Amino acid sequence: MNNCLAELRKARSITQEELADALMVSRQTVSSIENGRYNPSILLAFKIARFFQMTIEEIFYQEGEENG
């Protein structure tokens, strides 16, 4: 599964640490999600979407598909 998390975070000038704190996860978790090494749980995906005021589908998408 691909995502545009890093782009969203950088566009808002938010560090991985700041995002991790807001989501109550480790910075390593944020890094792993951004790099495609870890797919978040549905609960964490909802938290991420809510944080960015977007839908899950706008942030996470299948390989070969365009994001939101």
N, C-alpha and C. Protein backbone atom coordinates (compact mmCIF):
# COMPACT_ATOMS: atom_id res chain seq x y z
N MET A 1 0.84 -1.17 0.00
CA MET A 1 0.00 0.00 0.00
C MET A 1 0.89 1.24 0.00
N ASN A 2 0.57 2.18 -0.84
CA ASN A 2 1.31 3.44 -0.92
C ASN A 2 0.58 4.52 -0.14
N ASN A 3 1.29 5.61 0.11
CA ASN A 3 0.66 6.74 0.80
C ASN A 3 1.39 8.03 0.47
N CYS A 4 0.73 9.12 0.77
CA CYS A 4 1.33 10.44 0.54
C CYS A 4 1.58 11.14 1.87
N LEU A 5 1.79 10.37 2.92
CA LEU A 5 1.96 10.92 4.26
C LEU A 5 3.13 11.88 4.35
N ALA A 6 4.28 11.52 3.82
CA ALA A 6 5.45 12.39 3.89
C ALA A 6 5.19 13.72 3.20
N GLU A 7 4.55 13.67 2.04
CA GLU A 7 4.26 14.90 1.30
C GLU A 7 3.30 15.79 2.09
N LEU A 8 2.28 15.20 2.68
CA LEU A 8 1.32 15.97 3.48
C LEU A 8 2.01 16.60 4.68
N ARG A 9 2.82 15.81 5.35
CA ARG A 9 3.51 16.30 6.54
C ARG A 9 4.47 17.44 6.20
N LYS A 10 5.26 17.25 5.15
CA LYS A 10 6.22 18.28 4.76
C LYS A 10 5.54 19.55 4.28
N ALA A 11 4.42 19.42 3.57
CA ALA A 11 3.69 20.59 3.07
C ALA A 11 3.17 21.45 4.22
N ARG A 12 2.98 20.83 5.37
CA ARG A 12 2.49 21.55 6.55
C ARG A 12 3.61 21.88 7.53
N SER A 13 4.85 21.63 7.13
CA SER A 13 6.03 21.90 7.96
C SER A 13 5.94 21.22 9.33
N ILE A 14 5.53 19.96 9.31
CA ILE A 14 5.42 19.17 10.53
C ILE A 14 6.54 18.13 10.52
N THR A 15 7.24 17.99 11.62
CA THR A 15 8.28 16.97 11.71
C THR A 15 7.65 15.60 11.98
N GLN A 16 8.42 14.56 11.73
CA GLN A 16 7.95 13.22 12.06
C GLN A 16 7.65 13.11 13.55
N GLU A 17 8.48 13.72 14.36
CA GLU A 17 8.30 13.68 15.82
C GLU A 17 7.00 14.37 16.22
N GLU A 18 6.70 15.52 15.63
CA GLU A 18 5.46 16.23 15.94
C GLU A 18 4.24 15.42 15.54
N LEU A 19 4.29 14.82 14.36
CA LEU A 19 3.17 13.99 13.92
C LEU A 19 3.03 12.78 14.83
N ALA A 20 4.13 12.15 15.16
CA ALA A 20 4.10 10.99 16.05
C ALA A 20 3.46 11.35 17.39
N ASP A 21 3.84 12.49 17.95
CA ASP A 21 3.27 12.92 19.23
C ASP A 21 1.76 13.13 19.11
N ALA A 22 1.33 13.75 18.02
CA ALA A 22 -0.10 14.01 17.82
C ALA A 22 -0.89 12.71 17.67
N LEU A 23 -0.26 11.70 17.08
CA LEU A 23 -0.92 10.42 16.85
C LEU A 23 -0.69 9.42 17.99
N MET A 24 0.18 9.80 18.94
CA MET A 24 0.53 8.93 20.07
C MET A 24 1.19 7.63 19.61
N VAL A 25 2.13 7.77 18.67
CA VAL A 25 2.95 6.65 18.20
C VAL A 25 4.40 7.11 18.21
N SER A 26 5.31 6.21 17.90
CA SER A 26 6.73 6.57 17.86
C SER A 26 7.08 7.24 16.53
N ARG A 27 8.17 8.00 16.53
CA ARG A 27 8.65 8.60 15.30
C ARG A 27 9.01 7.51 14.30
N GLN A 28 9.52 6.39 14.80
CA GLN A 28 9.88 5.28 13.93
C GLN A 28 8.65 4.71 13.21
N THR A 29 7.50 4.71 13.89
CA THR A 29 6.27 4.25 13.25
C THR A 29 5.90 5.16 12.10
N VAL A 30 5.97 6.47 12.31
CA VAL A 30 5.67 7.43 11.25
C VAL A 30 6.63 7.22 10.08
N SER A 31 7.91 7.08 10.38
CA SER A 31 8.91 6.86 9.33
C SER A 31 8.62 5.59 8.55
N SER A 32 8.29 4.52 9.25
CA SER A 32 8.00 3.24 8.59
C SER A 32 6.77 3.32 7.69
N ILE A 33 5.76 4.04 8.14
CA ILE A 33 4.56 4.22 7.30
C ILE A 33 4.91 5.02 6.06
N GLU A 34 5.63 6.12 6.25
CA GLU A 34 6.01 6.97 5.12
C GLU A 34 6.83 6.21 4.08
N ASN A 35 7.68 5.31 4.54
CA ASN A 35 8.56 4.57 3.64
C ASN A 35 7.96 3.27 3.14
N GLY A 36 6.71 3.01 3.48
CA GLY A 36 6.03 1.82 3.00
C GLY A 36 6.48 0.52 3.63
N ARG A 37 7.18 0.61 4.75
CA ARG A 37 7.63 -0.60 5.44
C ARG A 37 6.58 -1.13 6.41
N TYR A 38 5.55 -0.31 6.68
CA TYR A 38 4.53 -0.68 7.67
C TYR A 38 3.20 -0.11 7.22
N ASN A 39 2.18 -0.95 7.22
CA ASN A 39 0.82 -0.48 6.96
C ASN A 39 0.14 -0.26 8.29
N PRO A 40 -0.43 0.93 8.50
CA PRO A 40 -1.04 1.21 9.80
C PRO A 40 -2.31 0.40 10.02
N SER A 41 -2.65 0.22 11.29
CA SER A 41 -3.93 -0.38 11.63
C SER A 41 -5.03 0.55 11.14
N ILE A 42 -6.24 0.06 11.07
CA ILE A 42 -7.35 0.90 10.62
C ILE A 42 -7.55 2.06 11.60
N LEU A 43 -7.36 1.81 12.89
CA LEU A 43 -7.49 2.88 13.88
C LEU A 43 -6.46 3.97 13.65
N LEU A 44 -5.21 3.58 13.41
CA LEU A 44 -4.16 4.58 13.16
C LEU A 44 -4.40 5.30 11.84
N ALA A 45 -4.87 4.59 10.83
CA ALA A 45 -5.19 5.23 9.55
C ALA A 45 -6.28 6.29 9.75
N PHE A 46 -7.28 5.98 10.56
CA PHE A 46 -8.33 6.96 10.87
C PHE A 46 -7.75 8.17 11.59
N LYS A 47 -6.85 7.95 12.54
CA LYS A 47 -6.23 9.06 13.27
C LYS A 47 -5.44 9.95 12.32
N ILE A 48 -4.70 9.34 11.41
CA ILE A 48 -3.92 10.10 10.43
C ILE A 48 -4.85 10.92 9.54
N ALA A 49 -5.89 10.29 9.04
CA ALA A 49 -6.85 10.99 8.17
C ALA A 49 -7.50 12.15 8.92
N ARG A 50 -7.89 11.91 10.15
CA ARG A 50 -8.53 12.97 10.95
C ARG A 50 -7.55 14.11 11.19
N PHE A 51 -6.29 13.79 11.48
CA PHE A 51 -5.28 14.81 11.72
C PHE A 51 -5.15 15.75 10.52
N PHE A 52 -5.14 15.17 9.32
CA PHE A 52 -4.98 15.97 8.10
C PHE A 52 -6.32 16.42 7.51
N GLN A 53 -7.42 16.10 8.17
CA GLN A 53 -8.77 16.46 7.71
C GLN A 53 -9.00 15.98 6.27
N MET A 54 -8.66 14.71 6.07
CA MET A 54 -8.81 14.06 4.77
C MET A 54 -9.44 12.69 4.99
N THR A 55 -9.78 12.02 3.89
CA THR A 55 -10.26 10.65 4.01
C THR A 55 -9.06 9.70 3.97
N ILE A 56 -9.27 8.50 4.45
CA ILE A 56 -8.21 7.49 4.40
C ILE A 56 -7.79 7.27 2.95
N GLU A 57 -8.77 7.22 2.05
CA GLU A 57 -8.48 6.95 0.64
C GLU A 57 -7.65 8.04 -0.02
N GLU A 58 -7.72 9.25 0.50
CA GLU A 58 -6.91 10.34 -0.05
C GLU A 58 -5.44 10.22 0.37
N ILE A 59 -5.18 9.50 1.45
CA ILE A 59 -3.83 9.36 1.97
C ILE A 59 -3.20 8.03 1.60
N PHE A 60 -3.99 6.96 1.68
CA PHE A 60 -3.50 5.60 1.42
C PHE A 60 -4.16 5.05 0.16
N TYR A 61 -3.36 4.43 -0.69
CA TYR A 61 -3.88 3.91 -1.95
C TYR A 61 -3.06 2.70 -2.39
N GLN A 62 -3.68 1.87 -3.20
CA GLN A 62 -3.02 0.66 -3.70
C GLN A 62 -1.97 1.02 -4.75
N GLU A 63 -0.96 0.21 -4.83
CA GLU A 63 0.08 0.40 -5.84
C GLU A 63 -0.56 0.42 -7.22
N GLY A 64 -0.15 1.37 -8.04
CA GLY A 64 -0.69 1.48 -9.39
C GLY A 64 -1.89 2.41 -9.48
N GLU A 65 -2.40 2.85 -8.35
CA GLU A 65 -3.51 3.80 -8.34
C GLU A 65 -2.98 5.18 -8.00
N GLU A 66 -3.69 6.18 -8.48
CA GLU A 66 -3.36 7.55 -8.12
C GLU A 66 -3.99 7.86 -6.77
N ASN A 67 -3.31 8.68 -5.96
CA ASN A 67 -3.92 9.08 -4.70
C ASN A 67 -4.84 10.26 -4.95
N GLY A 68 -5.81 10.44 -3.97
CA GLY A 68 -6.84 11.45 -3.99
C GLY A 68 -6.61 12.56 -4.89
